[in-house]
Amino acid sequence: MPNVPHCPSCGNELLQKNRVLLFVVGLVAVGATAACFFLSPFFWIATSFLVLIGGFLIAWSTLGKGRWCRQCKKFPVF
């Protein structure tokens, strides 16, 4: 039986998302932020949320290894 990581909170198995896809989508979100930022000041509020989401996806794919607990809806980083 393979060594399956378990959630530190509830002990359930962690699902593994595609780390490369998470990282690429995060980079695209941050890149789109740069494009929207220079279009109009009207988009600055939306771009602040987009850069946070992109940064979160990049951090989750690298630090969190794309792992997700389906039962308690947490994503342990360490």
Protein backbone atom coordinates (compact mmCIF):
# COMPACT_ATOMS: atom_id res chain seq x y z
CA MET A 1 0.00 0.00 0.00
CA PRO A 2 1.49 3.39 -0.98
CA ASN A 3 2.29 5.99 1.64
CA VAL A 4 -0.73 8.31 1.40
CA PRO A 5 -0.50 11.62 3.29
CA HIS A 6 -3.16 12.25 5.91
CA CYS A 7 -4.73 15.48 7.15
CA PRO A 8 -3.21 16.64 10.45
CA SER A 9 -6.63 17.99 11.57
CA CYS A 10 -9.04 15.14 10.89
CA GLY A 11 -6.82 12.23 9.77
CA ASN A 12 -8.57 11.81 6.41
CA GLU A 13 -6.59 11.18 3.20
CA LEU A 14 -5.35 14.26 1.35
CA LEU A 15 -6.14 14.68 -2.34
CA GLN A 16 -3.31 15.72 -4.65
CA LYS A 17 -4.18 18.42 -7.19
CA ASN A 18 -2.05 18.96 -10.31
CA ARG A 19 0.77 21.17 -9.01
CA VAL A 20 1.95 22.31 -12.43
CA LEU A 21 -1.55 23.39 -13.43
CA LEU A 22 -2.03 25.29 -10.15
CA PHE A 23 1.29 27.08 -10.66
CA VAL A 24 0.56 28.00 -14.29
CA VAL A 25 -2.92 29.32 -13.46
CA GLY A 26 -1.37 31.39 -10.66
CA LEU A 27 1.20 32.85 -13.04
CA VAL A 28 -1.51 33.65 -15.60
CA ALA A 29 -3.56 35.41 -12.91
CA VAL A 30 -0.57 37.51 -11.82
CA GLY A 31 0.24 38.30 -15.47
CA ALA A 32 -3.33 39.32 -16.16
CA THR A 33 -3.11 41.58 -13.14
CA ALA A 34 -0.24 43.48 -14.71
CA ALA A 35 -2.21 43.95 -17.92
CA CYS A 36 -5.40 45.09 -16.17
CA PHE A 37 -3.49 47.41 -13.84
CA PHE A 38 -2.32 49.59 -16.71
CA LEU A 39 -5.65 49.69 -18.55
CA SER A 40 -7.65 51.84 -16.18
CA PRO A 41 -7.77 52.89 -12.53
CA PHE A 42 -11.27 51.42 -12.50
CA PHE A 43 -9.77 47.91 -12.58
CA TRP A 44 -7.37 48.41 -9.64
CA ILE A 45 -9.75 46.94 -7.07
CA ALA A 46 -10.34 43.83 -9.17
CA THR A 47 -6.63 43.45 -9.85
CA SER A 48 -5.84 43.49 -6.15
CA PHE A 49 -8.09 40.45 -5.67
CA LEU A 50 -6.64 38.78 -8.75
CA VAL A 51 -3.06 39.15 -7.55
CA LEU A 52 -4.03 37.70 -4.15
CA ILE A 53 -5.68 34.71 -5.81
CA GLY A 54 -2.73 34.18 -8.13
CA GLY A 55 -0.28 34.42 -5.26
CA PHE A 56 -2.34 31.95 -3.24
CA LEU A 57 -2.34 29.42 -6.09
CA ILE A 58 1.41 29.75 -6.55
CA ALA A 59 2.01 29.31 -2.81
CA TRP A 60 -0.39 26.36 -2.60
CA SER A 61 1.29 24.59 -5.50
CA THR A 62 4.79 25.06 -4.09
CA LEU A 63 4.50 25.11 -0.29
CA GLY A 64 1.27 23.14 0.10
CA LYS A 65 2.16 20.66 -2.65
CA GLY A 66 -1.39 20.98 -4.01
CA ARG A 67 -2.85 18.85 -1.23
CA TRP A 68 -6.47 19.24 -0.12
CA CYS A 69 -8.59 17.53 2.54
CA ARG A 70 -12.05 16.77 1.26
CA GLN A 71 -13.57 16.22 4.70
CA CYS A 72 -12.49 19.29 6.70
CA LYS A 73 -11.86 21.54 3.62
CA LYS A 74 -8.33 22.45 4.72
CA PHE A 75 -5.06 22.52 2.83
CA PRO A 76 -2.14 21.86 5.16
CA VAL A 77 1.00 23.70 4.16
CA PHE A 78 3.55 21.85 6.30
